[in-house]
Amino acid sequence: VSLVPAARWRWEDNFGEGKSVSKWGCFFDGIELFDADFFGISHREARQLDPQHRMVLECCWEAVESAGLNPSKLKTLELGVCVY
């Protein structure tokens, strides 16, 4: 939990009735380092993705790696389910 990063927005400009009620929040460091090319996502689309969606993609990929699964084989599961 930290102050709203200045790069996000100036909380002072967004504070008051009908606006933000806090200058504090939970923010991910380095979220701009997301590797859109790795996931086959355009840079334009990646900029519009919610940071939490980027984190879910990265966490899922890490889970696949940790499980020792071959990602290229996950595309053609017999169930017809595409994992990524």
PDB file of N, CA and C in Angstrom:
ATOM      1  N   VAL A   1       0.854  -1.176   0.000  1.00  0.00           N
ATOM      2  CA  VAL A   1       0.000   0.000   0.000  1.00  0.00           C
ATOM      3  C   VAL A   1       0.892   1.229   0.000  1.00  0.00           C
ATOM      4  N   SER A   2       0.602   2.151  -0.906  1.00  0.00           N
ATOM      5  CA  SER A   2       1.414   3.355  -1.018  1.00  0.00           C
ATOM      6  C   SER A   2       0.567   4.502  -1.550  1.00  0.00           C
ATOM      7  N   LEU A   3       1.171   5.667  -1.616  1.00  0.00           N
ATOM      8  CA  LEU A   3       0.517   6.805  -2.246  1.00  0.00           C
ATOM      9  C   LEU A   3       0.303   6.506  -3.720  1.00  0.00           C
ATOM     10  N   VAL A   4      -0.703   7.125  -4.317  1.00  0.00           N
ATOM     11  CA  VAL A   4      -0.927   6.957  -5.746  1.00  0.00           C
ATOM     12  C   VAL A   4       0.320   7.444  -6.476  1.00  0.00           C
ATOM     13  N   PRO A   5       0.921   6.603  -7.337  1.00  0.00           N
ATOM     14  CA  PRO A   5       2.121   7.028  -8.059  1.00  0.00           C
ATOM     15  C   PRO A   5       1.831   8.240  -8.948  1.00  0.00           C
ATOM     16  N   ALA A   6       2.750   9.180  -8.966  1.00  0.00           N
ATOM     17  CA  ALA A   6       2.571  10.394  -9.765  1.00  0.00           C
ATOM     18  C   ALA A   6       2.370  10.077 -11.240  1.00  0.00           C
ATOM     19  N   ALA A   7       2.959   8.981 -11.719  1.00  0.00           N
ATOM     20  CA  ALA A   7       2.813   8.601 -13.126  1.00  0.00           C
ATOM     21  C   ALA A   7       1.386   8.157 -13.454  1.00  0.00           C
ATOM     22  N   ARG A   8       0.624   7.750 -12.441  1.00  0.00           N
ATOM     23  CA  ARG A   8      -0.758   7.306 -12.658  1.00  0.00           C
ATOM     24  C   ARG A   8      -1.682   8.492 -12.827  1.00  0.00           C
ATOM     25  N   TRP A   9      -1.756   9.301 -11.810  1.00  0.00           N
ATOM     26  CA  TRP A   9      -2.578  10.504 -11.810  1.00  0.00           C
ATOM     27  C   TRP A   9      -2.335  11.280 -10.529  1.00  0.00           C
ATOM     28  N   ARG A  10      -2.603  12.552 -10.599  1.00  0.00           N
ATOM     29  CA  ARG A  10      -2.444  13.404  -9.422  1.00  0.00           C
ATOM     30  C   ARG A  10      -3.689  13.250  -8.567  1.00  0.00           C
ATOM     31  N   TRP A  11      -3.551  12.611  -7.413  1.00  0.00           N
ATOM     32  CA  TRP A  11      -4.710  12.370  -6.566  1.00  0.00           C
ATOM     33  C   TRP A  11      -5.323  13.690  -6.116  1.00  0.00           C
ATOM     34  N   GLU A  12      -4.507  14.734  -6.007  1.00  0.00           N
ATOM     35  CA  GLU A  12      -5.028  16.028  -5.569  1.00  0.00           C
ATOM     36  C   GLU A  12      -6.090  16.556  -6.533  1.00  0.00           C
ATOM     37  N   ASP A  13      -5.933  16.270  -7.827  1.00  0.00           N
ATOM     38  CA  ASP A  13      -6.886  16.722  -8.836  1.00  0.00           C
ATOM     39  C   ASP A  13      -8.146  15.863  -8.865  1.00  0.00           C
ATOM     40  N   ASN A  14      -8.099  14.721  -8.228  1.00  0.00           N
ATOM     41  CA  ASN A  14      -9.220  13.771  -8.279  1.00  0.00           C
ATOM     42  C   ASN A  14      -9.786  13.482  -6.901  1.00  0.00           C
ATOM     43  N   PHE A  15      -9.606  14.393  -5.975  1.00  0.00           N
ATOM     44  CA  PHE A  15     -10.040  14.179  -4.598  1.00  0.00           C
ATOM     45  C   PHE A  15     -11.273  15.031  -4.320  1.00  0.00           C
ATOM     46  N   GLY A  16     -12.223  14.471  -3.650  1.00  0.00           N
ATOM     47  CA  GLY A  16     -13.405  15.246  -3.258  1.00  0.00           C
ATOM     48  C   GLY A  16     -14.690  14.497  -3.549  1.00  0.00           C
ATOM     49  N   GLU A  17     -15.790  15.209  -3.394  1.00  0.00           N
ATOM     50  CA  GLU A  17     -17.104  14.603  -3.558  1.00  0.00           C
ATOM     51  C   GLU A  17     -17.278  14.032  -4.967  1.00  0.00           C
ATOM     52  N   GLY A  18     -17.699  12.792  -5.042  1.00  0.00           N
ATOM     53  CA  GLY A  18     -17.901  12.129  -6.317  1.00  0.00           C
ATOM     54  C   GLY A  18     -16.618  11.679  -6.977  1.00  0.00           C
ATOM     55  N   LYS A  19     -15.510  11.828  -6.291  1.00  0.00           N
ATOM     56  CA  LYS A  19     -14.207  11.429  -6.837  1.00  0.00           C
ATOM     57  C   LYS A  19     -13.526  10.500  -5.856  1.00  0.00           C
ATOM     58  N   SER A  20     -12.225  10.429  -5.934  1.00  0.00           N
ATOM     59  CA  SER A  20     -11.459   9.551  -5.063  1.00  0.00           C
ATOM     60  C   SER A  20     -11.645   9.929  -3.596  1.00  0.00           C
ATOM     61  N   VAL A  21     -11.602   8.921  -2.739  1.00  0.00           N
ATOM     62  CA  VAL A  21     -11.715   9.184  -1.309  1.00  0.00           C
ATOM     63  C   VAL A  21     -10.421   8.896  -0.579  1.00  0.00           C
ATOM     64  N   SER A  22      -9.386   8.533  -1.332  1.00  0.00           N
ATOM     65  CA  SER A  22      -8.121   8.202  -0.694  1.00  0.00           C
ATOM     66  C   SER A  22      -6.958   8.498  -1.636  1.00  0.00           C
ATOM     67  N   LYS A  23      -5.845   8.863  -1.054  1.00  0.00           N
ATOM     68  CA  LYS A  23      -4.630   9.053  -1.843  1.00  0.00           C
ATOM     69  C   LYS A  23      -3.733   7.827  -1.749  1.00  0.00           C
ATOM     70  N   TRP A  24      -4.248   6.757  -1.169  1.00  0.00           N
ATOM     71  CA  TRP A  24      -3.506   5.518  -0.958  1.00  0.00           C
ATOM     72  C   TRP A  24      -4.125   4.393  -1.774  1.00  0.00           C
ATOM     73  N   GLY A  25      -3.313   3.400  -2.112  1.00  0.00           N
ATOM     74  CA  GLY A  25      -3.824   2.243  -2.831  1.00  0.00           C
ATOM     75  C   GLY A  25      -2.750   1.185  -2.981  1.00  0.00           C
ATOM     76  N   CYS A  26      -3.121   0.073  -3.606  1.00  0.00           N
ATOM     77  CA  CYS A  26      -2.166  -1.000  -3.887  1.00  0.00           C
ATOM     78  C   CYS A  26      -1.806  -0.923  -5.361  1.00  0.00           C
ATOM     79  N   PHE A  27      -0.525  -0.806  -5.639  1.00  0.00           N
ATOM     80  CA  PHE A  27      -0.060  -0.641  -7.002  1.00  0.00           C
ATOM     81  C   PHE A  27       1.066  -1.624  -7.280  1.00  0.00           C
ATOM     82  N   PHE A  28       1.091  -2.158  -8.505  1.00  0.00           N
ATOM     83  CA  PHE A  28       2.114  -3.110  -8.906  1.00  0.00           C
ATOM     84  C   PHE A  28       3.314  -2.370  -9.477  1.00  0.00           C
ATOM     85  N   ASP A  29       4.486  -2.647  -8.965  1.00  0.00           N
ATOM     86  CA  ASP A  29       5.709  -2.079  -9.520  1.00  0.00           C
ATOM     87  C   ASP A  29       6.073  -2.832 -10.798  1.00  0.00           C
ATOM     88  N   GLY A  30       6.491  -2.103 -11.810  1.00  0.00           N
ATOM     89  CA  GLY A  30       6.971  -2.714 -13.041  1.00  0.00           C
ATOM     90  C   GLY A  30       5.896  -3.266 -13.953  1.00  0.00           C
ATOM     91  N   ILE A  31       4.636  -2.906 -13.752  1.00  0.00           N
ATOM     92  CA  ILE A  31       3.564  -3.452 -14.580  1.00  0.00           C
ATOM     93  C   ILE A  31       3.742  -3.041 -16.043  1.00  0.00           C
ATOM     94  N   GLU A  32       4.446  -1.930 -16.274  1.00  0.00           N
ATOM     95  CA  GLU A  32       4.692  -1.479 -17.646  1.00  0.00           C
ATOM     96  C   GLU A  32       5.713  -2.356 -18.365  1.00  0.00           C
ATOM     97  N   LEU A  33       6.343  -3.282 -17.652  1.00  0.00           N
ATOM     98  CA  LEU A  33       7.322  -4.182 -18.246  1.00  0.00           C
ATOM     99  C   LEU A  33       6.677  -5.419 -18.873  1.00  0.00           C
ATOM    100  N   PHE A  34       5.365  -5.485 -18.888  1.00  0.00           N
ATOM    101  CA  PHE A  34       4.622  -6.607 -19.461  1.00  0.00           C
ATOM    102  C   PHE A  34       5.088  -6.867 -20.895  1.00  0.00           C
ATOM    103  N   ASP A  35       5.379  -8.123 -21.221  1.00  0.00           N
ATOM    104  CA  ASP A  35       5.890  -8.497 -22.533  1.00  0.00           C
ATOM    105  C   ASP A  35       4.739  -8.885 -23.460  1.00  0.00           C
ATOM    106  N   ALA A  36       4.157  -7.892 -24.097  1.00  0.00           N
ATOM    107  CA  ALA A  36       3.000  -8.118 -24.967  1.00  0.00           C
ATOM    108  C   ALA A  36       3.341  -9.048 -26.130  1.00  0.00           C
ATOM    109  N   ASP A  37       4.523  -8.889 -26.704  1.00  0.00           N
ATOM    110  CA  ASP A  37       4.926  -9.737 -27.833  1.00  0.00           C
ATOM    111  C   ASP A  37       4.929 -11.213 -27.453  1.00  0.00           C
ATOM    112  N   PHE A  38       5.389 -11.514 -26.251  1.00  0.00           N
ATOM    113  CA  PHE A  38       5.452 -12.900 -25.783  1.00  0.00           C
ATOM    114  C   PHE A  38       4.066 -13.550 -25.808  1.00  0.00           C
ATOM    115  N   PHE A  39       3.045 -12.768 -25.442  1.00  0.00           N
ATOM    116  CA  PHE A  39       1.677 -13.301 -25.389  1.00  0.00           C
ATOM    117  C   PHE A  39       0.906 -13.087 -26.690  1.00  0.00           C
ATOM    118  N   GLY A  40       1.566 -12.536 -27.714  1.00  0.00           N
ATOM    119  CA  GLY A  40       0.901 -12.321 -28.998  1.00  0.00           C
ATOM    120  C   GLY A  40      -0.145 -11.224 -28.944  1.00  0.00           C
ATOM    121  N   ILE A  41       0.083 -10.233 -28.099  1.00  0.00           N
ATOM    122  CA  ILE A  41      -0.859  -9.127 -27.935  1.00  0.00           C
ATOM    123  C   ILE A  41      -0.210  -7.869 -28.513  1.00  0.00           C
ATOM    124  N   SER A  42      -0.984  -7.098 -29.257  1.00  0.00           N
ATOM    125  CA  SER A  42      -0.431  -5.865 -29.817  1.00  0.00           C
ATOM    126  C   SER A  42      -0.106  -4.889 -28.680  1.00  0.00           C
ATOM    127  N   HIS A  43       0.844  -4.011 -28.924  1.00  0.00           N
ATOM    128  CA  HIS A  43       1.223  -3.045 -27.890  1.00  0.00           C
ATOM    129  C   HIS A  43       0.061  -2.103 -27.578  1.00  0.00           C
ATOM    130  N   ARG A  44      -0.723  -1.792 -28.584  1.00  0.00           N
ATOM    131  CA  ARG A  44      -1.896  -0.929 -28.373  1.00  0.00           C
ATOM    132  C   ARG A  44      -2.904  -1.615 -27.433  1.00  0.00           C
ATOM    133  N   GLU A  45      -3.174  -2.880 -27.709  1.00  0.00           N
ATOM    134  CA  GLU A  45      -4.109  -3.631 -26.867  1.00  0.00           C
ATOM    135  C   GLU A  45      -3.548  -3.800 -25.455  1.00  0.00           C
ATOM    136  N   ALA A  46      -2.253  -4.046 -25.351  1.00  0.00           N
ATOM    137  CA  ALA A  46      -1.623  -4.240 -24.039  1.00  0.00           C
ATOM    138  C   ALA A  46      -1.744  -2.989 -23.178  1.00  0.00           C
ATOM    139  N   ARG A  47      -1.613  -1.820 -23.796  1.00  0.00           N
ATOM    140  CA  ARG A  47      -1.745  -0.567 -23.035  1.00  0.00           C
ATOM    141  C   ARG A  47      -3.145  -0.407 -22.470  1.00  0.00           C
ATOM    142  N   GLN A  48      -4.141  -0.992 -23.146  1.00  0.00           N
ATOM    143  CA  GLN A  48      -5.529  -0.865 -22.711  1.00  0.00           C
ATOM    144  C   GLN A  48      -5.940  -1.960 -21.730  1.00  0.00           C
ATOM    145  N   LEU A  49      -5.125  -3.005 -21.603  1.00  0.00           N
ATOM    146  CA  LEU A  49      -5.430  -4.089 -20.670  1.00  0.00           C
ATOM    147  C   LEU A  49      -5.335  -3.606 -19.231  1.00  0.00           C
ATOM    148  N   ASP A  50      -6.229  -4.051 -18.427  1.00  0.00           N
ATOM    149  CA  ASP A  50      -6.155  -3.773 -16.997  1.00  0.00           C
ATOM    150  C   ASP A  50      -4.886  -4.416 -16.453  1.00  0.00           C
ATOM    151  N   PRO A  51      -4.137  -3.722 -15.605  1.00  0.00           N
ATOM    152  CA  PRO A  51      -2.914  -4.308 -15.046  1.00  0.00           C
ATOM    153  C   PRO A  51      -3.142  -5.665 -14.382  1.00  0.00           C
ATOM    154  N   GLN A  52      -4.326  -5.863 -13.804  1.00  0.00           N
ATOM    155  CA  GLN A  52      -4.606  -7.154 -13.171  1.00  0.00           C
ATOM    156  C   GLN A  52      -4.706  -8.260 -14.210  1.00  0.00           C
ATOM    157  N   HIS A  53      -5.198  -7.944 -15.415  1.00  0.00           N
ATOM    158  CA  HIS A  53      -5.272  -8.949 -16.477  1.00  0.00           C
ATOM    159  C   HIS A  53      -3.871  -9.341 -16.930  1.00  0.00           C
ATOM    160  N   ARG A  54      -2.987  -8.350 -16.992  1.00  0.00           N
ATOM    161  CA  ARG A  54      -1.596  -8.651 -17.348  1.00  0.00           C
ATOM    162  C   ARG A  54      -0.978  -9.587 -16.317  1.00  0.00           C
ATOM    163  N   MET A  55      -1.250  -9.318 -15.047  1.00  0.00           N
ATOM    164  CA  MET A  55      -0.697 -10.158 -13.976  1.00  0.00           C
ATOM    165  C   MET A  55      -1.245 -11.579 -14.051  1.00  0.00           C
ATOM    166  N   VAL A  56      -2.536 -11.717 -14.365  1.00  0.00           N
ATOM    167  CA  VAL A  56      -3.131 -13.056 -14.473  1.00  0.00           C
ATOM    168  C   VAL A  56      -2.451 -13.839 -15.597  1.00  0.00           C
ATOM    169  N   LEU A  57      -2.228 -13.197 -16.746  1.00  0.00           N
ATOM    170  CA  LEU A  57      -1.532 -13.873 -17.853  1.00  0.00           C
ATOM    171  C   LEU A  57      -0.153 -14.349 -17.415  1.00  0.00           C
ATOM    172  N   GLU A  58       0.588 -13.471 -16.766  1.00  0.00           N
ATOM    173  CA  GLU A  58       1.936 -13.835 -16.336  1.00  0.00           C
ATOM    174  C   GLU A  58       1.917 -14.939 -15.284  1.00  0.00           C
ATOM    175  N   CYS A  59       0.984 -14.862 -14.333  1.00  0.00           N
ATOM    176  CA  CYS A  59       0.893 -15.899 -13.288  1.00  0.00           C
ATOM    177  C   CYS A  59       0.491 -17.248 -13.874  1.00  0.00           C
ATOM    178  N   CYS A  60      -0.423 -17.246 -14.835  1.00  0.00           N
ATOM    179  CA  CYS A  60      -0.833 -18.497 -15.474  1.00  0.00           C
ATOM    180  C   CYS A  60       0.335 -19.118 -16.227  1.00  0.00           C
ATOM    181  N   TRP A  61       1.098 -18.264 -16.922  1.00  0.00           N
ATOM    182  CA  TRP A  61       2.257 -18.787 -17.652  1.00  0.00           C
ATOM    183  C   TRP A  61       3.263 -19.391 -16.684  1.00  0.00           C
ATOM    184  N   GLU A  62       3.500 -18.724 -15.570  1.00  0.00           N
ATOM    185  CA  GLU A  62       4.432 -19.253 -14.570  1.00  0.00           C
ATOM    186  C   GLU A  62       3.928 -20.581 -14.002  1.00  0.00           C
ATOM    187  N   ALA A  63       2.618 -20.701 -13.838  1.00  0.00           N
ATOM    188  CA  ALA A  63       2.049 -21.956 -13.332  1.00  0.00           C
ATOM    189  C   ALA A  63       2.282 -23.089 -14.323  1.00  0.00           C
ATOM    190  N   VAL A  64       2.119 -22.799 -15.617  1.00  0.00           N
ATOM    191  CA  VAL A  64       2.352 -23.808 -16.652  1.00  0.00           C
ATOM    192  C   VAL A  64       3.816 -24.239 -16.628  1.00  0.00           C
ATOM    193  N   GLU A  65       4.719 -23.255 -16.535  1.00  0.00           N
ATOM    194  CA  GLU A  65       6.148 -23.569 -16.474  1.00  0.00           C
ATOM    195  C   GLU A  65       6.488 -24.388 -15.234  1.00  0.00           C
ATOM    196  N   SER A  66       5.948 -23.974 -14.084  1.00  0.00           N
ATOM    197  CA  SER A  66       6.238 -24.664 -12.817  1.00  0.00           C
ATOM    198  C   SER A  66       5.732 -26.097 -12.820  1.00  0.00           C
ATOM    199  N   ALA A  67       4.631 -26.326 -13.544  1.00  0.00           N
ATOM    200  CA  ALA A  67       4.062 -27.670 -13.615  1.00  0.00           C
ATOM    201  C   ALA A  67       4.842 -28.562 -14.579  1.00  0.00           C
ATOM    202  N   GLY A  68       5.786 -27.957 -15.306  1.00  0.00           N
ATOM    203  CA  GLY A  68       6.580 -28.734 -16.247  1.00  0.00           C
ATOM    204  C   GLY A  68       5.818 -29.126 -17.499  1.00  0.00           C
ATOM    205  N   LEU A  69       4.762 -28.396 -17.814  1.00  0.00           N
ATOM    206  CA  LEU A  69       3.962 -28.700 -18.996  1.00  0.00           C
ATOM    207  C   LEU A  69       4.570 -28.064 -20.239  1.00  0.00           C
ATOM    208  N   ASN A  70       4.331 -28.679 -21.372  1.00  0.00           N
ATOM    209  CA  ASN A  70       4.790 -28.139 -22.639  1.00  0.00           C
ATOM    210  C   ASN A  70       3.674 -27.250 -23.189  1.00  0.00           C
ATOM    211  N   PRO A  71       3.854 -25.934 -23.214  1.00  0.00           N
ATOM    212  CA  PRO A  71       2.794 -25.021 -23.652  1.00  0.00           C
ATOM    213  C   PRO A  71       2.308 -25.285 -25.070  1.00  0.00           C
ATOM    214  N   SER A  72       3.190 -25.722 -25.970  1.00  0.00           N
ATOM    215  CA  SER A  72       2.759 -25.966 -27.351  1.00  0.00           C
ATOM    216  C   SER A  72       1.760 -27.119 -27.427  1.00  0.00           C
ATOM    217  N   LYS A  73       1.810 -28.047 -26.477  1.00  0.00           N
ATOM    218  CA  LYS A  73       0.865 -29.156 -26.479  1.00  0.00           C
ATOM    219  C   LYS A  73      -0.461 -28.780 -25.829  1.00  0.00           C
ATOM    220  N   LEU A  74      -0.477 -27.713 -25.056  1.00  0.00           N
ATOM    221  CA  LEU A  74      -1.719 -27.291 -24.414  1.00  0.00           C
ATOM    222  C   LEU A  74      -2.715 -26.710 -25.419  1.00  0.00           C
ATOM    223  N   LYS A  75      -2.219 -26.235 -26.534  1.00  0.00           N
ATOM    224  CA  LYS A  75      -3.105 -25.672 -27.554  1.00  0.00           C
ATOM    225  C   LYS A  75      -4.021 -26.731 -28.148  1.00  0.00           C
ATOM    226  N   THR A  76      -3.596 -27.968 -28.175  1.00  0.00           N
ATOM    227  CA  THR A  76      -4.355 -29.012 -28.861  1.00  0.00           C
ATOM    228  C   THR A  76      -4.841 -30.085 -27.892  1.00  0.00           C
ATOM    229  N   LEU A  77      -5.333 -29.664 -26.749  1.00  0.00           N
ATOM    230  CA  LEU A  77      -5.889 -30.640 -25.819  1.00  0.00           C
ATOM    231  C   LEU A  77      -7.081 -31.341 -26.450  1.00  0.00           C
ATOM    232  N   GLU A  78      -7.292 -32.595 -26.111  1.00  0.00           N
ATOM    233  CA  GLU A  78      -8.405 -33.351 -26.686  1.00  0.00           C
ATOM    234  C   GLU A  78      -9.750 -32.712 -26.357  1.00  0.00           C
ATOM    235  N   LEU A  79      -9.822 -31.970 -25.280  1.00  0.00           N
ATOM    236  CA  LEU A  79     -11.065 -31.309 -24.899  1.00  0.00           C
ATOM    237  C   LEU A  79     -11.382 -30.129 -25.792  1.00  0.00           C
ATOM    238  N   GLY A  80     -10.404 -29.710 -26.598  1.00  0.00           N
ATOM    239  CA  GLY A  80     -10.612 -28.560 -27.474  1.00  0.00           C
ATOM    240  C   GLY A  80     -10.521 -27.247 -26.732  1.00  0.00           C
ATOM    241  N   VAL A  81      -9.961 -27.274 -25.561  1.00  0.00           N
ATOM    242  CA  VAL A  81      -9.842 -26.052 -24.756  1.00  0.00           C
ATOM    243  C   VAL A  81      -8.474 -25.432 -25.016  1.00  0.00           C
ATOM    244  N   CYS A  82      -8.467 -24.159 -25.344  1.00  0.00           N
ATOM    245  CA  CYS A  82      -7.212 -23.445 -25.556  1.00  0.00           C
ATOM    246  C   CYS A  82      -6.851 -22.738 -24.273  1.00  0.00           C
ATOM    247  N   VAL A  83      -5.705 -23.059 -23.693  1.00  0.00           N
ATOM    248  CA  VAL A  83      -5.294 -22.502 -22.415  1.00  0.00           C
ATOM    249  C   VAL A  83      -4.764 -21.096 -22.560  1.00  0.00           C
ATOM    250  N   TYR A  84      -4.115 -20.807 -23.659  1.00  0.00           N
ATOM    251  CA  TYR A  84      -3.575 -19.457 -23.850  1.00  0.00           C
ATOM    252  C   TYR A  84      -3.755 -18.999 -25.262  1.00  0.00           C
TER     253      TYR A  84
END
